[in-house]
Protein backbone atom coordinates (compact mmCIF):
# COMPACT_ATOMS: atom_id res chain seq x y z
CA MET A 1 40.09 87.58 91.01
CA PRO A 2 40.86 87.47 87.27
CA CYS A 3 43.54 90.15 87.77
CA PHE A 4 45.29 88.06 90.44
CA PHE A 5 45.16 84.94 88.23
CA HIS A 6 46.68 86.91 85.33
CA LEU A 7 49.59 88.10 87.54
CA GLU A 8 50.23 84.55 88.69
CA ILE A 9 50.53 83.34 85.05
CA ILE A 10 52.92 86.17 84.18
CA SER A 11 55.15 85.41 87.20
CA ARG A 12 55.22 81.68 86.29
CA LYS A 13 56.30 82.58 82.73
CA LYS A 14 59.07 84.82 84.12
CA MET A 15 60.26 82.04 86.43
CA ARG A 16 60.28 79.56 83.54
CA THR A 17 62.23 82.02 81.37
CA SER A 18 64.80 82.71 84.11
CA GLY A 19 65.14 78.97 84.68
CA PHE A 20 65.92 78.44 80.98
CA VAL A 21 68.47 81.27 81.06
CA ALA A 22 70.17 79.78 84.15
CA ILE A 23 70.33 76.30 82.59
CA PHE A 24 71.68 77.71 79.30
CA PHE A 25 74.35 79.67 81.25
CA LEU A 26 75.44 76.56 83.20
CA ILE A 27 75.68 74.50 79.99
CA PHE A 28 77.73 77.27 78.36
CA LEU A 29 80.15 77.33 81.35
CA SER A 30 80.62 73.56 81.36
CA VAL A 31 81.25 73.41 77.61
CA SER A 32 83.66 76.35 77.58
CA SER A 33 85.80 74.88 80.39
CA ALA A 34 85.91 71.49 78.64
CA TYR A 35 87.97 72.91 75.77
CA PRO A 36 91.26 74.25 77.18
CA GLY A 37 92.34 75.29 73.67
CA TRP A 38 89.95 78.21 73.99
CA LYS A 39 91.85 79.55 76.98
CA LYS A 40 94.35 82.33 76.48
CA GLN A 41 97.92 81.08 76.11
CA TYR A 42 100.23 83.28 78.17
CA LYS A 43 103.63 84.47 76.98
CA PRO A 44 106.37 85.78 79.28
CA CYS A 45 106.49 89.56 79.69
CA LYS A 46 110.19 89.39 80.59
CA GLN A 47 112.85 86.66 80.47
CA LEU A 48 116.48 86.30 81.56
CA VAL A 49 119.04 83.51 81.89
CA LEU A 50 121.58 83.56 84.73
CA TYR A 51 124.02 81.09 86.28
CA PHE A 52 124.80 80.60 89.92
CA HIS A 53 127.85 78.83 91.25
CA ASP A 54 127.76 76.98 94.59
CA ILE A 55 130.99 75.93 96.34
CA ILE A 56 130.19 74.13 99.58
CA TYR A 57 132.58 74.38 102.53
CA ASN A 58 134.36 71.05 103.03
CA GLY A 59 136.75 71.93 105.85
CA GLN A 60 139.62 72.78 103.49
CA ASN A 61 138.28 75.46 101.14
CA ALA A 62 137.26 78.32 103.46
CA ALA A 63 138.71 80.97 101.13
CA ASN A 64 136.57 79.89 98.15
CA ALA A 65 133.46 78.45 99.80
CA THR A 66 130.13 80.18 99.09
CA ALA A 67 127.91 77.71 100.97
CA ALA A 68 128.01 75.92 104.30
CA ILE A 69 126.13 73.04 105.92
CA VAL A 70 124.36 74.51 108.95
CA ALA A 71 122.35 71.44 110.04
CA ALA A 72 122.92 67.73 109.62
CA PRO A 73 121.45 64.45 110.88
CA GLU A 74 122.51 63.45 114.40
CA GLY A 75 126.16 62.53 114.53
CA ALA A 76 126.89 63.89 111.06
CA ASN A 77 129.79 66.15 110.15
CA LEU A 78 129.08 69.74 109.08
CA THR A 79 131.85 69.66 106.47
CA ILE A 80 130.67 66.55 104.58
CA LEU A 81 127.18 66.02 103.22
CA ALA A 82 125.40 63.09 104.85
CA GLY A 83 125.17 59.75 103.07
CA GLN A 84 121.89 58.31 101.82
CA PHE A 85 120.96 61.16 99.45
CA HIS A 86 122.14 63.85 101.92
CA PHE A 87 118.80 63.53 103.76
CA GLY A 88 118.57 65.98 106.65
CA ASN A 89 121.31 68.36 105.52
CA ILE A 90 120.51 72.07 105.43
CA ALA A 91 122.90 74.42 103.65
CA VAL A 92 122.90 78.20 103.38
CA PHE A 93 124.59 79.96 100.49
CA ASP A 94 125.77 83.31 99.19
CA ASP A 95 126.73 82.37 95.62
CA PRO A 96 127.93 84.56 92.75
CA ILE A 97 125.55 85.00 89.80
CA THR A 98 127.02 85.38 86.31
CA LEU A 99 125.62 85.97 82.82
CA ASP A 100 127.52 82.96 81.45
CA ASN A 101 128.66 79.61 82.84
CA ASN A 102 132.17 80.79 83.76
CA LEU A 103 132.77 81.01 87.52
CA HIS A 104 135.43 83.68 86.92
CA SER A 105 133.14 86.00 84.90
CA PRO A 106 132.24 89.28 86.61
CA PRO A 107 129.30 88.66 88.95
CA VAL A 108 126.06 90.57 88.32
CA GLY A 109 124.69 89.73 91.76
CA ARG A 110 124.43 87.13 94.50
CA ALA A 111 122.12 84.14 95.06
CA GLN A 112 121.35 84.06 98.79
CA GLY A 113 119.25 81.48 100.58
CA MET A 114 119.13 77.84 101.59
CA TYR A 115 118.48 74.35 100.37
CA ILE A 116 117.22 71.42 102.41
CA TYR A 117 117.80 67.82 101.32
CA ASP A 118 114.37 66.45 102.17
CA THR A 119 113.96 62.97 100.66
CA LYS A 120 115.39 59.63 101.85
CA ASN A 121 115.21 57.68 98.59
CA THR A 122 116.49 60.07 95.90
CA PHE A 123 118.42 63.29 95.49
CA THR A 124 115.94 66.12 95.93
CA ALA A 125 116.01 69.43 97.77
CA TRP A 126 113.68 72.20 98.82
CA LEU A 127 114.94 75.63 97.77
CA GLY A 128 114.23 79.08 99.13
CA PHE A 129 116.49 81.84 97.83
CA THR A 130 116.78 85.35 96.39
CA PHE A 131 118.77 86.71 93.48
CA VAL A 132 120.17 90.06 94.60
CA LEU A 133 121.08 91.79 91.34
CA ASN A 134 123.25 94.90 91.28
CA SER A 135 124.54 95.54 87.78
CA THR A 136 124.18 98.27 85.21
CA LYS A 137 121.47 96.24 83.45
CA HIS A 138 119.41 94.99 86.44
CA GLN A 139 118.82 96.37 89.94
CA GLY A 140 116.65 94.58 92.48
CA THR A 141 115.78 91.17 93.84
CA ILE A 142 113.97 88.07 92.55
CA ASN A 143 112.54 85.57 95.08
CA PHE A 144 112.33 81.82 94.36
CA ILE A 145 110.79 78.91 96.25
CA GLY A 146 110.04 75.27 95.50
CA ALA A 147 111.05 71.63 95.28
CA ASP A 148 114.11 70.69 93.24
CA PRO A 149 114.17 67.05 92.06
CA ILE A 150 117.92 67.19 91.33
CA MET A 151 118.04 64.05 89.17
CA VAL A 152 115.58 65.52 86.66
CA LYS A 153 117.40 67.34 83.85
CA SER A 154 115.05 70.34 83.70
CA ARG A 155 112.83 71.34 86.61
CA ASP A 156 110.68 74.35 87.52
CA ILE A 157 110.36 76.36 90.70
CA SER A 158 108.15 79.36 91.44
CA VAL A 159 109.18 82.99 91.17
CA VAL A 160 107.10 84.54 93.93
CA GLY A 161 108.04 88.21 93.81
CA GLY A 162 110.77 90.77 93.65
CA THR A 163 111.86 94.35 94.18
CA GLY A 164 113.44 97.13 92.12
CA ASP A 165 113.35 96.30 88.39
CA PHE A 166 111.43 93.13 89.35
CA PHE A 167 108.83 94.74 91.66
CA MET A 168 105.91 92.33 92.13
CA HIS A 169 107.08 90.09 89.26
CA ARG A 170 105.93 86.47 89.31
CA GLY A 171 106.59 83.50 87.09
CA ILE A 172 108.58 80.30 86.68
CA ALA A 173 112.30 79.56 86.83
CA THR A 174 113.56 76.51 84.95
CA LEU A 175 116.66 75.04 86.63
CA MET A 176 119.24 72.87 84.92
CA THR A 177 122.38 71.49 86.58
CA ASP A 178 124.98 72.84 84.18
CA SER A 179 128.00 71.31 85.94
CA PHE A 180 129.03 69.64 89.19
CA GLU A 181 132.21 68.36 90.82
CA GLY A 182 131.41 65.77 93.46
CA ASP A 183 129.68 67.21 96.50
CA VAL A 184 131.75 70.41 96.55
CA TYR A 185 130.74 72.42 93.45
CA PHE A 186 127.69 72.77 91.26
CA ARG A 187 126.49 75.35 88.74
CA LEU A 188 122.84 75.94 87.93
CA ARG A 189 121.50 77.50 84.76
CA VAL A 190 118.39 79.48 85.75
CA ASP A 191 116.00 80.46 82.95
CA VAL A 192 113.58 82.96 84.52
CA LYS A 193 110.27 83.66 82.76
CA PHE A 194 108.06 86.35 84.26
CA TYR A 195 104.34 86.14 83.51
CA GLU A 196 103.32 89.06 85.74
CA CYS A 197 105.31 92.26 85.31
CA TRP A 198 104.36 95.55 86.98
C-alpha cells in the first residue's frame, strides 16, 4: 500500500507541473500576440511599376478601342456606360501595358480581363485581370483580383499568382488613376509589390 500511495503523490506532482507549464505557455502566447511590433515586418522581394491604358468602345472608335461593354442594365446601350455610377455594366479589355504613362510608348505586354461596376451609390468596380508580359526584361503573367473603389486616390488589390518570371508570386498591387478623359479613356498606374517570390 505505501508504494501505491507514493506513486499517486508523484503523479499528482507531475500533473501540477504540467498544468503550470500549460498556463505559462498560454500566458506567453497571449502576451506575444498583444504586441504587434514584435512581429516580423515584411519587405517586398520584387517590385515593378507599370501603366495600362483603357480605351472603351463608344460606337465611333472601333479602330482604337481596347475595351468593350459586354453587359449592361436592361434597356441600356452597349456603347455608353449606364448612368447612376455605371451600376450593372460589365466591360472586358485587352489594354496595352507600358513602362511609362505615354499611350504611344512601346507596349511591354497586355492587360486582359474584366471590370464590373458593382455599386449603386458611388463609382466602384470589381476587377479580375492578368498582365501578360512579353518583353526582353519580363516574360510571364501576373494575376490580379479585387475591389476597386475608383474615387479613392490610391487603392490596393491582390496579386494572386503568376507564371514565367512571376511563377507563384503573390502580393499587393497599388492602383492610382493617372489620367482619364470622360468615360472613354483612363490610365492606371500599377505599383506591384511581391511578398512571395519563388
